[in-house]
Amino acid sequence: MDNTLKLLDEFQELKEKIFNEMHKVIVGQDRIIDRILTGLFAGGHCLLIGVPGLAKTLMIKTLSEILDLSFKRIQFTPDLMPSDITGTEVIQEDTLSLKRTLRFLPGPIFANLILADEINRAPPKTQAALLEAMQEYQVTVGGKNYPLPVPFLVLATQNPIELEGTYPLPEAQLDRFMLSIKIDYPSEDEEKKIAEITTSSFNQSPEKVLSAERIVEFQNLVRKIPVSDYVIEYVVKLVRNTRPHSNNEFKFVQDYVSWGAGPRAIQFLILGAKAKAALRGDVNVSISDVKDIAEDVLRHRIFTNFNADAEGVNSDYIVKKLLEEFNYG
């Protein structure tokens, strides 16, 4: 227990260092950085939704430098093939024996941190190439399994404005993302600071704070944090109340929801709450930790019906209203 507390204190200090280094390059966006770190240390992938120009790519690249992780950016386009992501086999001839063998050339998926830029612009076959990697942490080519480096985190982006020529992610793939994070415009003061810094010759390079090995150690630490039965029961009942079954006490769920969140939402809510507690150096996971992460975990797992579309009700509204009205204990 003493070692756990010592690691948690170190974890909290490292979090502050990461934020300080990030702010050498990124102005504001504390909530987004916190969410990405939550996903990283909980071992979950993140989907970032925001208009172009909000520093999504820069934020992820900077984080990879601070965490001393290998980083690859994959620009998803309609002509992108699965082999462009996973890699391909090529024929190689031995100069001595003249025998020909197949050699695997790894694709950009073989990195610790993957930026899948505009993931909804590639066709479903290419999107599906990420499924095995995100769930199994391996790639299968030519009947052989190739393990991915650890830690492994996919950060995908989507543009909510331009929908022409896009292929919406299927529900099964959306469910692989632990968090769906909405990135909003910066405040007026933050935009002023952005204008001052980015148009001058001032340049600061972030320093490396954490190695891949230590990240895996902290991921294991997060999983070891205990959670009370009360919090687990709260999470289970909260998720079950997103489903429009006959016993659901919330009329707005029955009226507006066609499909609610599945069991993976329960897992990610608990893991996310554990990571939130660990990032502040605490071993006590509370209901407030669950509520803090709930919107990002649930928004892409709740599917509204025609009535909701007609009345302008989306999944964000459902989650917020459910968190307000659901009282447990």
Protein backbone atom coordinates (compact mmCIF):
# COMPACT_ATOMS: atom_id res chain seq x y z
CA MET A 1 0.00 0.00 0.00
CA ASP A 2 2.87 2.37 0.85
CA ASN A 3 4.40 1.73 -2.57
CA THR A 4 1.02 2.45 -4.22
CA LEU A 5 0.70 5.77 -2.39
CA LYS A 6 4.25 6.68 -3.35
CA LEU A 7 3.50 5.90 -7.01
CA LEU A 8 0.30 7.96 -6.85
CA ASP A 9 2.21 10.97 -5.49
CA GLU A 10 4.71 10.59 -8.31
CA PHE A 11 1.85 10.18 -10.78
CA GLN A 12 0.30 13.48 -9.69
CA GLU A 13 3.63 15.30 -9.97
CA LEU A 14 4.19 13.90 -13.45
CA LYS A 15 0.72 15.04 -14.49
CA GLU A 16 1.62 18.61 -13.53
CA LYS A 17 4.89 18.35 -15.46
CA ILE A 18 3.02 17.07 -18.53
CA PHE A 19 0.59 20.00 -18.38
CA ASN A 20 3.44 22.49 -17.99
CA GLU A 21 5.30 21.04 -20.97
CA MET A 22 2.11 20.93 -23.07
CA HIS A 23 1.47 24.61 -22.36
CA LYS A 24 4.82 25.49 -23.89
CA VAL A 25 3.17 24.68 -27.22
CA ILE A 26 -0.60 24.50 -26.60
CA VAL A 27 -2.63 27.44 -25.30
CA GLY A 28 -5.46 26.40 -22.96
CA GLN A 29 -7.37 23.17 -23.76
CA ASP A 30 -6.79 21.84 -20.21
CA ARG A 31 -9.95 19.76 -20.29
CA ILE A 32 -8.97 18.10 -23.57
CA ILE A 33 -5.45 17.33 -22.34
CA ASP A 34 -6.92 15.89 -19.13
CA ARG A 35 -9.28 13.66 -21.12
CA ILE A 36 -6.51 12.37 -23.40
CA LEU A 37 -4.35 11.56 -20.36
CA THR A 38 -7.33 9.82 -18.76
CA GLY A 39 -7.74 7.68 -21.87
CA LEU A 40 -4.00 6.97 -22.08
CA PHE A 41 -3.59 5.81 -18.47
CA ALA A 42 -6.89 3.91 -18.52
CA GLY A 43 -5.73 2.13 -21.68
CA GLY A 44 -8.55 3.47 -23.87
CA HIS A 45 -8.65 5.08 -27.32
CA CYS A 46 -10.12 8.55 -27.91
CA LEU A 47 -12.21 10.11 -30.66
CA LEU A 48 -11.70 13.89 -30.94
CA ILE A 49 -14.50 15.86 -32.60
CA GLY A 50 -13.84 19.45 -33.58
CA VAL A 51 -13.59 21.88 -36.48
CA PRO A 52 -10.24 22.31 -38.28
CA GLY A 53 -7.66 24.60 -36.72
CA LEU A 54 -8.14 23.71 -33.05
CA ALA A 55 -4.64 22.19 -32.72
CA LYS A 56 -5.79 18.58 -32.50
CA THR A 57 -2.82 17.29 -34.49
CA LEU A 58 -0.34 19.59 -32.74
CA MET A 59 -1.68 18.57 -29.33
CA ILE A 60 -1.24 14.85 -30.03
CA LYS A 61 2.21 15.27 -31.61
CA THR A 62 3.37 17.39 -28.65
CA LEU A 63 2.07 14.80 -26.20
CA SER A 64 4.00 12.05 -28.00
CA GLU A 65 7.21 14.10 -27.63
CA ILE A 66 6.63 14.76 -23.92
CA LEU A 67 5.86 11.10 -23.24
CA ASP A 68 8.78 9.85 -25.34
CA LEU A 69 6.48 7.74 -27.52
CA SER A 70 6.72 6.86 -31.18
CA PHE A 71 4.12 8.82 -33.14
CA LYS A 72 2.53 8.26 -36.56
CA ARG A 73 -0.11 10.29 -38.33
CA ILE A 74 -2.41 8.55 -40.79
CA GLN A 75 -4.42 10.88 -43.03
CA PHE A 76 -7.62 9.01 -43.88
CA THR A 77 -8.80 9.54 -47.46
CA PRO A 78 -11.33 7.73 -49.70
CA ASP A 79 -8.53 5.92 -51.57
CA LEU A 80 -6.69 4.71 -48.45
CA MET A 81 -6.29 0.92 -48.42
CA PRO A 82 -6.12 -1.37 -45.32
CA SER A 83 -2.53 -2.31 -46.21
CA ASP A 84 -1.61 1.39 -46.09
CA ILE A 85 -2.36 1.20 -42.37
CA THR A 86 -1.37 -2.29 -41.27
CA GLY A 87 1.52 -2.94 -43.66
CA THR A 88 2.04 -5.40 -46.48
CA GLU A 89 4.07 -8.45 -47.49
CA VAL A 90 6.68 -8.12 -50.24
CA ILE A 91 8.62 -10.77 -52.12
CA GLN A 92 12.32 -10.78 -51.25
CA GLU A 93 14.97 -12.82 -53.05
CA ASP A 94 17.98 -14.21 -51.20
CA THR A 95 21.12 -13.27 -53.12
CA LEU A 96 22.91 -16.54 -52.26
CA SER A 97 20.22 -19.21 -52.48
CA LEU A 98 18.07 -17.27 -54.96
CA LYS A 99 15.04 -18.38 -52.96
CA ARG A 100 12.11 -16.03 -52.73
CA THR A 101 10.44 -15.37 -49.40
CA LEU A 102 7.72 -13.08 -48.15
CA ARG A 103 8.82 -10.28 -45.85
CA PHE A 104 6.40 -8.16 -43.84
CA LEU A 105 6.84 -4.40 -44.04
CA PRO A 106 5.08 -2.82 -41.01
CA GLY A 107 2.66 0.03 -41.69
CA PRO A 108 2.21 3.25 -39.70
CA ILE A 109 -0.03 1.45 -37.18
CA PHE A 110 3.15 0.15 -35.53
CA ALA A 111 3.67 3.09 -33.18
CA ASN A 112 2.73 3.94 -29.59
CA LEU A 113 0.56 6.91 -30.48
CA ILE A 114 -1.54 6.93 -33.66
CA LEU A 115 -3.33 9.98 -35.00
CA ALA A 116 -6.09 8.76 -37.31
CA ASP A 117 -6.89 12.09 -38.93
CA GLU A 118 -10.46 12.46 -40.26
CA ILE A 119 -11.13 8.77 -39.74
CA ASN A 120 -14.60 9.01 -41.29
CA ARG A 121 -13.18 9.89 -44.74
CA ALA A 122 -11.96 6.35 -45.44
CA PRO A 123 -14.32 3.55 -46.60
CA PRO A 124 -15.55 0.92 -44.09
CA LYS A 125 -13.02 -1.72 -45.22
CA THR A 126 -10.15 0.60 -44.32
CA GLN A 127 -11.79 1.72 -41.08
CA ALA A 128 -12.14 -1.94 -40.13
CA ALA A 129 -8.36 -2.36 -40.43
CA LEU A 130 -8.13 -0.46 -37.15
CA LEU A 131 -10.61 -2.69 -35.32
CA GLU A 132 -8.26 -5.59 -34.58
CA ALA A 133 -5.43 -3.24 -33.64
CA MET A 134 -7.60 -1.26 -31.22
CA GLN A 135 -9.11 -4.29 -29.53
CA GLU A 136 -6.45 -7.00 -29.72
CA TYR A 137 -3.27 -4.85 -29.90
CA GLN A 138 -2.06 -6.88 -32.84
CA VAL A 139 -2.24 -6.96 -36.64
CA THR A 140 -2.86 -10.10 -38.71
CA VAL A 141 -1.32 -10.20 -42.20
CA GLY A 142 -0.96 -13.34 -44.28
CA GLY A 143 -2.18 -15.49 -41.41
CA LYS A 144 0.54 -14.24 -39.03
CA ASN A 145 0.03 -12.13 -35.93
CA TYR A 146 2.26 -9.12 -35.35
CA PRO A 147 2.03 -7.56 -31.88
CA LEU A 148 1.83 -3.77 -31.61
CA PRO A 149 4.14 -1.78 -29.34
CA VAL A 150 2.90 -0.96 -25.85
CA PRO A 151 1.50 1.36 -24.78
CA PHE A 152 -0.76 1.69 -27.83
CA LEU A 153 -3.28 4.51 -28.18
CA VAL A 154 -5.39 5.57 -31.16
CA LEU A 155 -6.50 9.20 -31.21
CA ALA A 156 -8.91 9.69 -34.10
CA THR A 157 -10.34 13.00 -35.29
CA GLN A 158 -13.59 13.91 -37.00
CA ASN A 159 -14.76 17.17 -38.53
CA PRO A 160 -18.41 17.77 -37.48
CA ILE A 161 -19.04 20.32 -40.26
CA GLU A 162 -18.01 18.82 -43.58
CA LEU A 163 -19.90 15.55 -44.07
CA GLU A 164 -19.68 15.27 -47.88
CA GLY A 165 -17.65 12.23 -48.93
CA THR A 166 -17.53 10.73 -45.46
CA TYR A 167 -18.31 7.25 -44.17
CA PRO A 168 -19.84 7.32 -40.67
CA LEU A 169 -18.14 4.97 -38.23
CA PRO A 170 -20.28 1.87 -37.53
CA GLU A 171 -21.54 1.39 -33.99
CA ALA A 172 -19.16 -1.53 -33.38
CA GLN A 173 -16.16 0.65 -34.12
CA LEU A 174 -17.47 3.66 -32.20
CA ASP A 175 -17.79 1.38 -29.19
CA ARG A 176 -14.04 0.64 -29.36
CA PHE A 177 -13.32 4.25 -28.44
CA MET A 178 -13.31 4.80 -24.71
CA LEU A 179 -13.96 8.54 -25.01
CA SER A 180 -15.64 10.78 -27.55
CA ILE A 181 -14.22 14.23 -26.81
CA LYS A 182 -15.75 17.41 -28.21
CA ILE A 183 -13.25 20.22 -28.74
CA ASP A 184 -14.70 23.73 -28.70
CA TYR A 185 -13.24 27.06 -29.75
CA PRO A 186 -10.75 28.65 -27.32
CA SER A 187 -11.78 31.64 -25.22
CA GLU A 188 -11.12 35.22 -26.38
CA ASP A 189 -8.08 35.57 -24.08
CA GLU A 190 -6.70 32.24 -25.29
CA GLU A 191 -7.13 33.25 -28.94
CA LYS A 192 -5.30 36.50 -28.25
CA LYS A 193 -2.43 34.54 -26.73
CA ILE A 194 -2.44 32.14 -29.71
CA ALA A 195 -2.19 35.12 -32.08
CA GLU A 196 0.75 36.58 -30.11
CA ILE A 197 2.74 33.33 -29.84
CA THR A 198 2.20 31.73 -33.25
CA THR A 199 2.97 34.87 -35.27
CA SER A 200 6.27 35.61 -33.54
CA SER A 201 9.71 33.98 -33.64
CA PHE A 202 9.24 32.69 -30.08
CA ASN A 203 9.55 28.92 -29.96
CA GLN A 204 9.73 26.53 -27.01
CA SER A 205 10.42 22.83 -27.30
CA PRO A 206 8.79 20.55 -24.72
CA GLU A 207 10.99 18.25 -22.68
CA LYS A 208 10.51 14.51 -22.31
CA VAL A 209 8.80 13.63 -19.03
CA LEU A 210 7.76 9.99 -19.16
CA SER A 211 8.96 6.83 -20.92
CA ALA A 212 6.79 4.12 -22.46
CA GLU A 213 7.81 1.67 -19.71
CA ARG A 214 6.69 4.04 -16.96
CA ILE A 215 3.38 4.64 -18.74
CA VAL A 216 2.68 0.89 -18.71
CA GLU A 217 3.57 0.86 -15.00
CA PHE A 218 1.07 3.65 -14.31
CA GLN A 219 -1.59 1.92 -16.44
CA ASN A 220 -1.21 -1.13 -14.18
CA LEU A 221 -1.41 1.15 -11.14
CA VAL A 222 -4.74 2.59 -12.34
CA ARG A 223 -6.24 -0.90 -12.62
CA LYS A 224 -5.12 -1.73 -9.06
CA ILE A 225 -7.08 1.17 -7.54
CA PRO A 226 -10.06 -0.28 -5.63
CA VAL A 227 -13.64 0.78 -6.35
CA SER A 228 -16.45 0.48 -3.81
CA ASP A 229 -19.55 -1.60 -4.48
CA TYR A 230 -21.58 1.60 -4.17
CA VAL A 231 -19.76 3.24 -7.10
CA ILE A 232 -19.96 0.07 -9.22
CA GLU A 233 -23.71 -0.22 -8.57
CA TYR A 234 -24.17 3.46 -9.47
CA VAL A 235 -22.33 2.96 -12.78
CA VAL A 236 -24.30 -0.20 -13.65
CA LYS A 237 -27.66 1.43 -12.92
CA LEU A 238 -26.68 4.63 -14.76
CA VAL A 239 -25.75 2.72 -17.91
CA ARG A 240 -28.81 0.47 -17.72
CA ASN A 241 -30.97 3.59 -17.53
CA THR A 242 -29.67 4.70 -20.94
CA ARG A 243 -31.59 1.78 -22.48
CA PRO A 244 -35.27 2.22 -23.37
CA HIS A 245 -36.51 -0.99 -21.71
CA SER A 246 -39.95 -1.30 -20.14
CA ASN A 247 -38.63 -0.88 -16.58
CA ASN A 248 -36.88 2.40 -17.34
CA GLU A 249 -38.24 5.10 -15.04
CA PHE A 250 -37.15 7.98 -17.28
CA LYS A 251 -39.77 8.85 -19.88
CA PHE A 252 -37.38 10.96 -21.98
CA VAL A 253 -35.18 7.88 -22.50
CA GLN A 254 -38.12 5.80 -23.69
CA ASP A 255 -39.30 8.64 -25.93
CA TYR A 256 -36.01 9.57 -27.57
CA VAL A 257 -33.57 6.63 -27.39
CA SER A 258 -33.55 3.66 -29.76
CA TRP A 259 -30.42 1.94 -28.37
CA GLY A 260 -28.57 2.60 -25.13
CA ALA A 261 -25.02 1.98 -23.98
CA GLY A 262 -23.67 -1.57 -23.67
CA PRO A 263 -21.50 -3.28 -21.02
CA ARG A 264 -18.30 -1.74 -22.42
CA ALA A 265 -19.59 1.64 -21.20
CA ILE A 266 -19.62 0.26 -17.64
CA GLN A 267 -16.02 -0.90 -17.97
CA PHE A 268 -14.84 2.43 -19.37
CA LEU A 269 -16.73 4.51 -16.81
CA ILE A 270 -15.05 2.63 -13.97
CA LEU A 271 -11.60 2.69 -15.62
CA GLY A 272 -12.00 6.37 -16.44
CA ALA A 273 -13.04 7.19 -12.87
CA LYS A 274 -10.02 5.23 -11.59
CA ALA A 275 -7.71 7.19 -13.89
CA LYS A 276 -9.27 10.48 -12.76
CA ALA A 277 -8.64 9.57 -9.12
CA ALA A 278 -5.07 8.44 -9.85
CA LEU A 279 -4.26 11.64 -11.77
CA ARG A 280 -5.04 13.68 -8.67
CA GLY A 281 -3.06 11.28 -6.46
CA ASP A 282 -6.06 9.69 -4.77
CA VAL A 283 -7.09 6.09 -4.09
CA ASN A 284 -10.76 6.95 -3.50
CA VAL A 285 -12.92 6.71 -6.60
CA SER A 286 -16.09 8.77 -6.13
CA ILE A 287 -19.40 9.27 -7.92
CA SER A 288 -18.18 12.73 -8.98
CA ASP A 289 -15.32 11.05 -10.88
CA VAL A 290 -17.88 8.97 -12.76
CA LYS A 291 -20.09 11.99 -13.50
CA ASP A 292 -17.08 13.99 -14.71
CA ILE A 293 -16.21 11.41 -17.36
CA ALA A 294 -19.77 10.21 -18.15
CA GLU A 295 -20.59 12.50 -21.09
CA ASP A 296 -17.42 11.57 -22.99
CA VAL A 297 -17.95 7.85 -22.36
CA LEU A 298 -21.67 7.74 -23.18
CA ARG A 299 -22.31 10.30 -25.95
CA HIS A 300 -21.24 7.95 -28.77
CA ARG A 301 -22.95 4.91 -27.24
CA ILE A 302 -26.50 6.30 -27.11
CA PHE A 303 -28.46 6.32 -30.37
CA THR A 304 -31.51 8.54 -30.62
CA ASN A 305 -34.64 7.82 -32.67
CA PHE A 306 -36.71 9.77 -35.19
CA ASN A 307 -38.66 11.60 -32.47
CA ALA A 308 -35.41 12.95 -31.03
CA ASP A 309 -34.18 14.06 -34.45
CA ALA A 310 -37.49 15.84 -35.11
CA GLU A 311 -37.25 17.73 -31.82
CA GLY A 312 -33.54 18.49 -31.99
CA VAL A 313 -32.60 16.15 -29.12
CA ASN A 314 -29.17 14.53 -29.27
CA SER A 315 -27.23 12.07 -27.10
CA ASP A 316 -25.52 14.91 -25.19
CA TYR A 317 -28.93 16.12 -24.02
CA ILE A 318 -29.90 12.59 -22.93
CA VAL A 319 -26.71 12.10 -20.89
CA LYS A 320 -26.89 15.52 -19.20
CA LYS A 321 -30.55 15.07 -18.29
CA LEU A 322 -29.91 11.55 -17.02
CA LEU A 323 -27.03 12.72 -14.80
CA GLU A 324 -29.27 15.48 -13.39
CA GLU A 325 -32.29 13.28 -12.67
CA PHE A 326 -30.72 9.95 -11.75
CA ASN A 327 -30.39 9.74 -7.97
CA TYR A 328 -28.93 6.61 -6.46
CA GLY A 329 -28.75 5.65 -2.81
